[in-house]
PDB file of all heavy atoms in Angstrom:
ATOM      1  N   GLN A   1      17.795 -85.860  87.929  1.00  0.00           N
ATOM      2  CA  GLN A   1      16.518 -85.384  88.473  1.00  0.00           C
ATOM      3  C   GLN A   1      16.659 -83.955  88.992  1.00  0.00           C
ATOM      4  O   GLN A   1      15.762 -83.128  88.798  1.00  0.00           O
ATOM      5  CB  GLN A   1      16.041 -86.301  89.593  1.00  0.00           C
ATOM      6  CG  GLN A   1      15.569 -87.648  89.111  1.00  0.00           C
ATOM      7  CD  GLN A   1      15.242 -88.597  90.249  1.00  0.00           C
ATOM      8  OE1 GLN A   1      15.427 -88.281  91.427  1.00  0.00           O
ATOM      9  NE2 GLN A   1      14.763 -89.782  89.911  1.00  0.00           N
ATOM     10  N   GLU A   2      17.787 -83.650  89.625  1.00  0.00           N
ATOM     11  CA  GLU A   2      18.023 -82.286  90.117  1.00  0.00           C
ATOM     12  C   GLU A   2      18.111 -81.297  88.958  1.00  0.00           C
ATOM     13  O   GLU A   2      17.594 -80.184  89.039  1.00  0.00           O
ATOM     14  CB  GLU A   2      19.296 -82.247  90.955  1.00  0.00           C
ATOM     15  CG  GLU A   2      19.168 -82.981  92.278  1.00  0.00           C
ATOM     16  CD  GLU A   2      20.505 -83.136  93.008  1.00  0.00           C
ATOM     17  OE1 GLU A   2      21.539 -82.636  92.524  1.00  0.00           O
ATOM     18  OE2 GLU A   2      20.491 -83.783  94.074  1.00  0.00           O
ATOM     19  N   ILE A   3      18.751 -81.708  87.869  1.00  0.00           N
ATOM     20  CA  ILE A   3      18.847 -80.852  86.686  1.00  0.00           C
ATOM     21  C   ILE A   3      17.456 -80.614  86.100  1.00  0.00           C
ATOM     22  O   ILE A   3      17.106 -79.479  85.763  1.00  0.00           O
ATOM     23  CB  ILE A   3      19.800 -81.462  85.638  1.00  0.00           C
ATOM     24  CG1 ILE A   3      21.243 -81.343  86.132  1.00  0.00           C
ATOM     25  CG2 ILE A   3      19.630 -80.782  84.276  1.00  0.00           C
ATOM     26  CD1 ILE A   3      22.259 -82.047  85.256  1.00  0.00           C
ATOM     27  N   ARG A   4      16.657 -81.664  85.988  1.00  0.00           N
ATOM     28  CA  ARG A   4      15.283 -81.502  85.471  1.00  0.00           C
ATOM     29  C   ARG A   4      14.494 -80.512  86.313  1.00  0.00           C
ATOM     30  O   ARG A   4      13.810 -79.631  85.781  1.00  0.00           O
ATOM     31  CB  ARG A   4      14.572 -82.849  85.424  1.00  0.00           C
ATOM     32  CG  ARG A   4      15.059 -83.748  84.308  1.00  0.00           C
ATOM     33  CD  ARG A   4      14.151 -84.944  84.098  1.00  0.00           C
ATOM     34  NE  ARG A   4      14.193 -85.899  85.192  1.00  0.00           N
ATOM     35  CZ  ARG A   4      14.954 -86.993  85.200  1.00  0.00           C
ATOM     36  NH1 ARG A   4      15.757 -87.259  84.191  1.00  0.00           N
ATOM     37  NH2 ARG A   4      14.919 -87.825  86.221  1.00  0.00           N
ATOM     38  N   ALA A   5      14.585 -80.637  87.636  1.00  0.00           N
ATOM     39  CA  ALA A   5      13.869 -79.717  88.529  1.00  0.00           C
ATOM     40  C   ALA A   5      14.370 -78.290  88.346  1.00  0.00           C
ATOM     41  O   ALA A   5      13.572 -77.342  88.302  1.00  0.00           O
ATOM     42  CB  ALA A   5      14.028 -80.167  89.977  1.00  0.00           C
ATOM     43  N   ALA A   6      15.667 -78.113  88.225  1.00  0.00           N
ATOM     44  CA  ALA A   6      16.233 -76.777  88.044  1.00  0.00           C
ATOM     45  C   ALA A   6      15.798 -76.165  86.714  1.00  0.00           C
ATOM     46  O   ALA A   6      15.463 -74.975  86.652  1.00  0.00           O
ATOM     47  CB  ALA A   6      17.758 -76.835  88.129  1.00  0.00           C
ATOM     48  N   LEU A   7      15.779 -76.963  85.652  1.00  0.00           N
ATOM     49  CA  LEU A   7      15.359 -76.447  84.346  1.00  0.00           C
ATOM     50  C   LEU A   7      13.906 -75.989  84.376  1.00  0.00           C
ATOM     51  O   LEU A   7      13.573 -74.945  83.810  1.00  0.00           O
ATOM     52  CB  LEU A   7      15.557 -77.518  83.273  1.00  0.00           C
ATOM     53  CG  LEU A   7      17.006 -77.895  82.969  1.00  0.00           C
ATOM     54  CD1 LEU A   7      17.053 -79.047  81.970  1.00  0.00           C
ATOM     55  CD2 LEU A   7      17.791 -76.704  82.461  1.00  0.00           C
ATOM     56  N   LEU A   8      13.065 -76.756  85.038  1.00  0.00           N
ATOM     57  CA  LEU A   8      11.661 -76.349  85.156  1.00  0.00           C
ATOM     58  C   LEU A   8      11.527 -75.080  85.985  1.00  0.00           C
ATOM     59  O   LEU A   8      10.749 -74.189  85.652  1.00  0.00           O
ATOM     60  CB  LEU A   8      10.835 -77.478  85.755  1.00  0.00           C
ATOM     61  CG  LEU A   8      10.661 -78.709  84.855  1.00  0.00           C
ATOM     62  CD1 LEU A   8       9.917 -79.807  85.604  1.00  0.00           C
ATOM     63  CD2 LEU A   8       9.947 -78.346  83.569  1.00  0.00           C
ATOM     64  N   ALA A   9      12.305 -74.970  87.062  1.00  0.00           N
ATOM     65  CA  ALA A   9      12.250 -73.780  87.911  1.00  0.00           C
ATOM     66  C   ALA A   9      12.769 -72.550  87.161  1.00  0.00           C
ATOM     67  O   ALA A   9      12.200 -71.460  87.280  1.00  0.00           O
ATOM     68  CB  ALA A   9      13.061 -74.008  89.185  1.00  0.00           C
ATOM     69  N   LEU A  10      13.825 -72.711  86.383  1.00  0.00           N
ATOM     70  CA  LEU A  10      14.392 -71.584  85.638  1.00  0.00           C
ATOM     71  C   LEU A  10      13.461 -71.061  84.559  1.00  0.00           C
ATOM     72  O   LEU A  10      13.562 -69.911  84.148  1.00  0.00           O
ATOM     73  CB  LEU A  10      15.719 -72.002  84.984  1.00  0.00           C
ATOM     74  CG  LEU A  10      16.918 -72.147  85.903  1.00  0.00           C
ATOM     75  CD1 LEU A  10      18.071 -72.817  85.159  1.00  0.00           C
ATOM     76  CD2 LEU A  10      17.349 -70.789  86.441  1.00  0.00           C
ATOM     77  N   THR A  11      12.556 -71.906  84.087  1.00  0.00           N
ATOM     78  CA  THR A  11      11.684 -71.524  82.970  1.00  0.00           C
ATOM     79  C   THR A  11      10.208 -71.574  83.340  1.00  0.00           C
ATOM     80  O   THR A  11       9.353 -71.666  82.459  1.00  0.00           O
ATOM     81  CB  THR A  11      11.938 -72.460  81.768  1.00  0.00           C
ATOM     82  OG1 THR A  11      11.659 -73.805  82.169  1.00  0.00           O
ATOM     83  CG2 THR A  11      13.357 -72.341  81.265  1.00  0.00           C
ATOM     84  N   GLU A  12       9.925 -71.491  84.614  1.00  0.00           N
ATOM     85  CA  GLU A  12       8.545 -71.624  85.103  1.00  0.00           C
ATOM     86  C   GLU A  12       7.565 -70.689  84.400  1.00  0.00           C
ATOM     87  O   GLU A  12       6.449 -71.071  84.087  1.00  0.00           O
ATOM     88  CB  GLU A  12       8.522 -71.380  86.615  1.00  0.00           C
ATOM     89  CG  GLU A  12       7.219 -71.706  87.259  1.00  0.00           C
ATOM     90  CD  GLU A  12       7.308 -71.617  88.772  1.00  0.00           C
ATOM     91  OE1 GLU A  12       8.309 -71.108  89.291  1.00  0.00           O
ATOM     92  OE2 GLU A  12       6.353 -72.052  89.419  1.00  0.00           O
ATOM     93  N   ALA A  13       7.986 -69.470  84.118  1.00  0.00           N
ATOM     94  CA  ALA A  13       7.082 -68.484  83.523  1.00  0.00           C
ATOM     95  C   ALA A  13       7.047 -68.557  81.991  1.00  0.00           C
ATOM     96  O   ALA A  13       6.274 -67.844  81.361  1.00  0.00           O
ATOM     97  CB  ALA A  13       7.502 -67.081  83.953  1.00  0.00           C
ATOM     98  N   GLU A  14       7.842 -69.406  81.392  1.00  0.00           N
ATOM     99  CA  GLU A  14       7.929 -69.499  79.934  1.00  0.00           C
ATOM    100  C   GLU A  14       6.831 -70.393  79.365  1.00  0.00           C
ATOM    101  O   GLU A  14       6.706 -71.543  79.766  1.00  0.00           O
ATOM    102  CB  GLU A  14       9.286 -70.065  79.507  1.00  0.00           C
ATOM    103  CG  GLU A  14      10.425 -69.100  79.630  1.00  0.00           C
ATOM    104  CD  GLU A  14      10.298 -67.908  78.709  1.00  0.00           C
ATOM    105  OE1 GLU A  14      10.061 -68.088  77.491  1.00  0.00           O
ATOM    106  OE2 GLU A  14      10.418 -66.786  79.217  1.00  0.00           O
ATOM    107  N   GLU A  15       6.079 -69.864  78.431  1.00  0.00           N
ATOM    108  CA  GLU A  15       5.058 -70.664  77.759  1.00  0.00           C
ATOM    109  C   GLU A  15       5.675 -71.550  76.688  1.00  0.00           C
ATOM    110  O   GLU A  15       5.319 -72.698  76.544  1.00  0.00           O
ATOM    111  CB  GLU A  15       4.015 -69.751  77.112  1.00  0.00           C
ATOM    112  CG  GLU A  15       2.990 -69.231  78.087  1.00  0.00           C
ATOM    113  CD  GLU A  15       1.906 -68.469  77.355  1.00  0.00           C
ATOM    114  OE1 GLU A  15       1.484 -68.901  76.268  1.00  0.00           O
ATOM    115  OE2 GLU A  15       1.489 -67.432  77.881  1.00  0.00           O
ATOM    116  N   GLY A  16       6.605 -71.021  75.930  1.00  0.00           N
ATOM    117  CA  GLY A  16       7.164 -71.735  74.789  1.00  0.00           C
ATOM    118  C   GLY A  16       8.421 -72.508  75.117  1.00  0.00           C
ATOM    119  O   GLY A  16       9.421 -72.358  74.442  1.00  0.00           O
ATOM    120  N   ARG A  17       8.373 -73.337  76.141  1.00  0.00           N
ATOM    121  CA  ARG A  17       9.574 -74.100  76.506  1.00  0.00           C
ATOM    122  C   ARG A  17       9.382 -75.568  76.156  1.00  0.00           C
ATOM    123  O   ARG A  17       8.272 -76.103  76.254  1.00  0.00           O
ATOM    124  CB  ARG A  17       9.883 -73.969  77.990  1.00  0.00           C
ATOM    125  CG  ARG A  17       8.825 -74.611  78.854  1.00  0.00           C
ATOM    126  CD  ARG A  17       9.134 -74.520  80.314  1.00  0.00           C
ATOM    127  NE  ARG A  17       8.010 -75.110  81.064  1.00  0.00           N
ATOM    128  CZ  ARG A  17       8.005 -75.253  82.356  1.00  0.00           C
ATOM    129  NH1 ARG A  17       9.019 -74.846  83.068  1.00  0.00           N
ATOM    130  NH2 ARG A  17       6.963 -75.800  82.950  1.00  0.00           N
ATOM    131  N   ALA A  18      10.460 -76.191  75.756  1.00  0.00           N
ATOM    132  CA  ALA A  18      10.439 -77.627  75.495  1.00  0.00           C
ATOM    133  C   ALA A  18      11.800 -78.186  75.888  1.00  0.00           C
ATOM    134  O   ALA A  18      12.835 -77.599  75.566  1.00  0.00           O
ATOM    135  CB  ALA A  18      10.160 -77.904  74.029  1.00  0.00           C
ATOM    136  N   PHE A  19      11.791 -79.284  76.610  1.00  0.00           N
ATOM    137  CA  PHE A  19      13.023 -79.941  77.053  1.00  0.00           C
ATOM    138  C   PHE A  19      12.960 -81.415  76.708  1.00  0.00           C
ATOM    139  O   PHE A  19      11.885 -81.999  76.628  1.00  0.00           O
ATOM    140  CB  PHE A  19      13.177 -79.857  78.584  1.00  0.00           C
ATOM    141  CG  PHE A  19      13.439 -78.485  79.105  1.00  0.00           C
ATOM    142  CD1 PHE A  19      12.431 -77.784  79.739  1.00  0.00           C
ATOM    143  CD2 PHE A  19      14.689 -77.902  78.993  1.00  0.00           C
ATOM    144  CE1 PHE A  19      12.661 -76.518  80.241  1.00  0.00           C
ATOM    145  CE2 PHE A  19      14.922 -76.635  79.482  1.00  0.00           C
ATOM    146  CZ  PHE A  19      13.910 -75.942  80.109  1.00  0.00           C
ATOM    147  N   PHE A  20      14.126 -82.012  76.547  1.00  0.00           N
ATOM    148  CA  PHE A  20      14.203 -83.465  76.552  1.00  0.00           C
ATOM    149  C   PHE A  20      15.479 -83.870  77.272  1.00  0.00           C
ATOM    150  O   PHE A  20      16.460 -83.139  77.284  1.00  0.00           O
ATOM    151  CB  PHE A  20      14.130 -84.085  75.144  1.00  0.00           C
ATOM    152  CG  PHE A  20      15.389 -83.938  74.328  1.00  0.00           C
ATOM    153  CD1 PHE A  20      16.441 -84.839  74.459  1.00  0.00           C
ATOM    154  CD2 PHE A  20      15.506 -82.917  73.408  1.00  0.00           C
ATOM    155  CE1 PHE A  20      17.591 -84.706  73.701  1.00  0.00           C
ATOM    156  CE2 PHE A  20      16.646 -82.778  72.650  1.00  0.00           C
ATOM    157  CZ  PHE A  20      17.688 -83.671  72.793  1.00  0.00           C
ATOM    158  N   MET A  21      15.442 -85.014  77.923  1.00  0.00           N
ATOM    159  CA  MET A  21      16.605 -85.600  78.561  1.00  0.00           C
ATOM    160  C   MET A  21      16.522 -87.097  78.313  1.00  0.00           C
ATOM    161  O   MET A  21      15.583 -87.747  78.751  1.00  0.00           O
ATOM    162  CB  MET A  21      16.641 -85.309  80.069  1.00  0.00           C
ATOM    163  CG  MET A  21      17.883 -85.872  80.742  1.00  0.00           C
ATOM    164  SD  MET A  21      17.927 -85.564  82.531  1.00  0.00           S
ATOM    165  CE  MET A  21      18.441 -83.857  82.549  1.00  0.00           C
ATOM    166  N   ALA A  22      17.497 -87.616  77.579  1.00  0.00           N
ATOM    167  CA  ALA A  22      17.487 -89.022  77.201  1.00  0.00           C
ATOM    168  C   ALA A  22      18.678 -89.738  77.834  1.00  0.00           C
ATOM    169  O   ALA A  22      19.821 -89.350  77.598  1.00  0.00           O
ATOM    170  CB  ALA A  22      17.546 -89.157  75.688  1.00  0.00           C
ATOM    171  N   PRO A  23      18.411 -90.771  78.643  1.00  0.00           N
ATOM    172  CA  PRO A  23      19.520 -91.536  79.214  1.00  0.00           C
ATOM    173  C   PRO A  23      20.202 -92.368  78.132  1.00  0.00           C
ATOM    174  O   PRO A  23      19.560 -92.812  77.179  1.00  0.00           O
ATOM    175  CB  PRO A  23      18.846 -92.435  80.252  1.00  0.00           C
ATOM    176  CG  PRO A  23      17.438 -92.543  79.805  1.00  0.00           C
ATOM    177  CD  PRO A  23      17.114 -91.281  79.061  1.00  0.00           C
ATOM    178  N   MET A  24      21.507 -92.543  78.285  1.00  0.00           N
ATOM    179  CA  MET A  24      22.283 -93.329  77.335  1.00  0.00           C
ATOM    180  C   MET A  24      23.127 -94.336  78.096  1.00  0.00           C
ATOM    181  O   MET A  24      23.927 -93.951  78.942  1.00  0.00           O
ATOM    182  CB  MET A  24      23.198 -92.422  76.513  1.00  0.00           C
ATOM    183  CG  MET A  24      22.473 -91.418  75.665  1.00  0.00           C
ATOM    184  SD  MET A  24      23.569 -90.252  74.858  1.00  0.00           S
ATOM    185  CE  MET A  24      24.690 -91.309  74.025  1.00  0.00           C
ATOM    186  N   CYS A  25      22.962 -95.609  77.771  1.00  0.00           N
ATOM    187  CA  CYS A  25      23.793 -96.629  78.404  1.00  0.00           C
ATOM    188  C   CYS A  25      25.225 -96.500  77.859  1.00  0.00           C
ATOM    189  O   CYS A  25      25.470 -95.802  76.875  1.00  0.00           O
ATOM    190  CB  CYS A  25      23.230 -98.023  78.150  1.00  0.00           C
ATOM    191  SG  CYS A  25      23.329 -98.533  76.422  1.00  0.00           S
ATOM    192  N   GLU A  26      26.168 -97.169  78.492  1.00  0.00           N
ATOM    193  CA  GLU A  26      27.564 -97.082  78.071  1.00  0.00           C
ATOM    194  C   GLU A  26      27.745 -97.559  76.629  1.00  0.00           C
ATOM    195  O   GLU A  26      28.516 -96.984  75.874  1.00  0.00           O
ATOM    196  CB  GLU A  26      28.457 -97.873  79.022  1.00  0.00           C
ATOM    197  CG  GLU A  26      28.599 -97.233  80.395  1.00  0.00           C
ATOM    198  CD  GLU A  26      29.155 -95.815  80.352  1.00  0.00           C
ATOM    199  OE1 GLU A  26      30.124 -95.554  79.599  1.00  0.00           O
ATOM    200  OE2 GLU A  26      28.611 -94.952  81.061  1.00  0.00           O
ATOM    201  N   ALA A  27      27.047 -98.628  76.256  1.00  0.00           N
ATOM    202  CA  ALA A  27      27.166 -99.143  74.885  1.00  0.00           C
ATOM    203  C   ALA A  27      26.678 -98.106  73.875  1.00  0.00           C
ATOM    204  O   ALA A  27      27.307 -97.895  72.836  1.00  0.00           O
ATOM    205  CB  ALA A  27      26.389-100.444  74.744  1.00  0.00           C
ATOM    206  N   CYS A  28      25.570 -97.451  74.172  1.00  0.00           N
ATOM    207  CA  CYS A  28      25.041 -96.418  73.272  1.00  0.00           C
ATOM    208  C   CYS A  28      25.969 -95.209  73.243  1.00  0.00           C
ATOM    209  O   CYS A  28      26.225 -94.631  72.185  1.00  0.00           O
ATOM    210  CB  CYS A  28      23.648 -95.988  73.707  1.00  0.00           C
ATOM    211  SG  CYS A  28      22.417 -97.275  73.498  1.00  0.00           S
ATOM    212  N   SER A  29      26.465 -94.837  74.391  1.00  0.00           N
ATOM    213  CA  SER A  29      27.366 -93.695  74.494  1.00  0.00           C
ATOM    214  C   SER A  29      28.635 -93.930  73.677  1.00  0.00           C
ATOM    215  O   SER A  29      29.140 -93.019  73.022  1.00  0.00           O
ATOM    216  CB  SER A  29      27.708 -93.455  75.961  1.00  0.00           C
ATOM    217  OG  SER A  29      28.639 -92.419  76.080  1.00  0.00           O
ATOM    218  N   ALA A  30      29.136 -95.148  73.689  1.00  0.00           N
ATOM    219  CA  ALA A  30      30.346 -95.483  72.943  1.00  0.00           C
ATOM    220  C   ALA A  30      30.113 -95.429  71.435  1.00  0.00           C
ATOM    221  O   ALA A  30      31.067 -95.308  70.665  1.00  0.00           O
ATOM    222  CB  ALA A  30      30.833 -96.864  73.349  1.00  0.00           C
ATOM    223  N   ARG A  31      28.863 -95.500  71.010  1.00  0.00           N
ATOM    224  CA  ARG A  31      28.531 -95.515  69.588  1.00  0.00           C
ATOM    225  C   ARG A  31      28.141 -94.135  69.056  1.00  0.00           C
ATOM    226  O   ARG A  31      27.670 -94.008  67.920  1.00  0.00           O
ATOM    227  CB  ARG A  31      27.400 -96.504  69.336  1.00  0.00           C
ATOM    228  CG  ARG A  31      27.827 -97.936  69.600  1.00  0.00           C
ATOM    229  CD  ARG A  31      26.702 -98.926  69.493  1.00  0.00           C
ATOM    230  NE  ARG A  31      25.938 -98.744  68.261  1.00  0.00           N
ATOM    231  CZ  ARG A  31      24.660 -99.059  68.140  1.00  0.00           C
ATOM    232  NH1 ARG A  31      24.002 -99.561  69.157  1.00  0.00           N
ATOM    233  NH2 ARG A  31      24.036 -98.880  66.998  1.00  0.00           N
ATOM    234  N   ILE A  32      28.342 -93.078  69.833  1.00  0.00           N
ATOM    235  CA  ILE A  32      28.014 -91.727  69.370  1.00  0.00           C
ATOM    236  C   ILE A  32      28.858 -91.404  68.143  1.00  0.00           C
ATOM    237  O   ILE A  32      30.065 -91.597  68.136  1.00  0.00           O
ATOM    238  CB  ILE A  32      28.264 -90.675  70.473  1.00  0.00           C
ATOM    239  CG1 ILE A  32      27.283 -90.865  71.611  1.00  0.00           C
ATOM    240  CG2 ILE A  32      28.157 -89.259  69.909  1.00  0.00           C
ATOM    241  CD1 ILE A  32      27.544 -89.955  72.797  1.00  0.00           C
ATOM    242  N   TRP A  33      28.207 -90.926  67.119  1.00  0.00           N
ATOM    243  CA  TRP A  33      28.880 -90.536  65.890  1.00  0.00           C
ATOM    244  C   TRP A  33      28.881 -89.029  65.803  1.00  0.00           C
ATOM    245  O   TRP A  33      27.868 -88.382  66.056  1.00  0.00           O
ATOM    246  CB  TRP A  33      28.132 -91.142  64.708  1.00  0.00           C
ATOM    247  CG  TRP A  33      28.681 -90.765  63.380  1.00  0.00           C
ATOM    248  CD1 TRP A  33      29.783 -91.306  62.767  1.00  0.00           C
ATOM    249  CD2 TRP A  33      28.181 -89.785  62.476  1.00  0.00           C
ATOM    250  NE1 TRP A  33      29.990 -90.731  61.551  1.00  0.00           N
ATOM    251  CE2 TRP A  33      29.013 -89.776  61.340  1.00  0.00           C
ATOM    252  CE3 TRP A  33      27.109 -88.899  62.522  1.00  0.00           C
ATOM    253  CZ2 TRP A  33      28.804 -88.929  60.263  1.00  0.00           C
ATOM    254  CZ3 TRP A  33      26.902 -88.059  61.450  1.00  0.00           C
ATOM    255  CH2 TRP A  33      27.742 -88.081  60.334  1.00  0.00           C
ATOM    256  N   LYS A  34      30.029 -88.449  65.477  1.00  0.00           N
ATOM    257  CA  LYS A  34      30.091 -86.999  65.313  1.00  0.00           C
ATOM    258  C   LYS A  34      31.098 -86.656  64.232  1.00  0.00           C
ATOM    259  O   LYS A  34      32.052 -87.393  64.004  1.00  0.00           O
ATOM    260  CB  LYS A  34      30.440 -86.297  66.625  1.00  0.00           C
ATOM    261  CG  LYS A  34      31.832 -86.565  67.119  1.00  0.00           C
ATOM    262  CD  LYS A  34      32.128 -85.781  68.368  1.00  0.00           C
ATOM    263  CE  LYS A  34      33.586 -85.946  68.742  1.00  0.00           C
ATOM    264  NZ  LYS A  34      34.003 -85.060  69.775  1.00  0.00           N
ATOM    265  N   VAL A  35      30.846 -85.555  63.580  1.00  0.00           N
ATOM    266  CA  VAL A  35      31.734 -85.036  62.554  1.00  0.00           C
ATOM    267  C   VAL A  35      31.911 -83.561  62.834  1.00  0.00           C
ATOM    268  O   VAL A  35      30.955 -82.859  63.169  1.00  0.00           O
ATOM    269  CB  VAL A  35      31.133 -85.230  61.145  1.00  0.00           C
ATOM    270  CG1 VAL A  35      31.990 -84.548  60.098  1.00  0.00           C
ATOM    271  CG2 VAL A  35      30.983 -86.703  60.831  1.00  0.00           C
ATOM    272  N   GLY A  36      33.101 -83.070  62.736  1.00  0.00           N
ATOM    273  CA  GLY A  36      33.357 -81.658  62.965  1.00  0.00           C
ATOM    274  C   GLY A  36      33.633 -81.363  64.423  1.00  0.00           C
ATOM    275  O   GLY A  36      33.589 -82.234  65.282  1.00  0.00           O
ATOM    276  N   LYS A  37      33.907 -80.118  64.684  1.00  0.00           N
ATOM    277  CA  LYS A  37      34.248 -79.667  66.025  1.00  0.00           C
ATOM    278  C   LYS A  37      32.976 -79.349  66.806  1.00  0.00           C
ATOM    279  O   LYS A  37      32.130 -78.594  66.327  1.00  0.00           O
ATOM    280  CB  LYS A  37      35.133 -78.428  65.939  1.00  0.00           C
ATOM    281  CG  LYS A  37      35.598 -77.916  67.258  1.00  0.00           C
ATOM    282  CD  LYS A  37      36.502 -76.727  67.050  1.00  0.00           C
ATOM    283  CE  LYS A  37      36.735 -76.030  68.368  1.00  0.00           C
ATOM    284  NZ  LYS A  37      37.446 -74.774  68.193  1.00  0.00           N
ATOM    285  N   MET A  38      32.822 -79.947  67.964  1.00  0.00           N
ATOM    286  CA  MET A  38      31.673 -79.674  68.808  1.00  0.00           C
ATOM    287  C   MET A  38      31.853 -78.302  69.461  1.00  0.00           C
ATOM    288  O   MET A  38      32.951 -77.764  69.523  1.00  0.00           O
ATOM    289  CB  MET A  38      31.501 -80.752  69.872  1.00  0.00           C
ATOM    290  CG  MET A  38      31.263 -82.146  69.307  1.00  0.00           C
ATOM    291  SD  MET A  38      29.718 -82.310  68.380  1.00  0.00           S
ATOM    292  CE  MET A  38      30.295 -82.354  66.689  1.00  0.00           C
ATOM    293  N   LYS A  39      30.796 -77.754  69.989  1.00  0.00           N
ATOM    294  CA  LYS A  39      30.772 -76.393  70.520  1.00  0.00           C
ATOM    295  C   LYS A  39      31.871 -76.117  71.543  1.00  0.00           C
ATOM    296  O   LYS A  39      32.526 -75.102  71.485  1.00  0.00           O
ATOM    297  CB  LYS A  39      29.393 -76.142  71.148  1.00  0.00           C
ATOM    298  CG  LYS A  39      29.215 -74.767  71.716  1.00  0.00           C
ATOM    299  CD  LYS A  39      28.833 -73.785  70.649  1.00  0.00           C
ATOM    300  CE  LYS A  39      28.479 -72.465  71.261  1.00  0.00           C
ATOM    301  NZ  LYS A  39      29.444 -71.442  71.003  1.00  0.00           N
TER     302      LYS A  39
END
């Protein structure tokens, strides 16, 4: 919630902003699939 508030405050003047924040349970988190080197 603090991160969401900070993101909105940091971009308050931006018209073209879009955010998403999706919670992930432990079971879903354990099933993350990735290929290649992450950033």
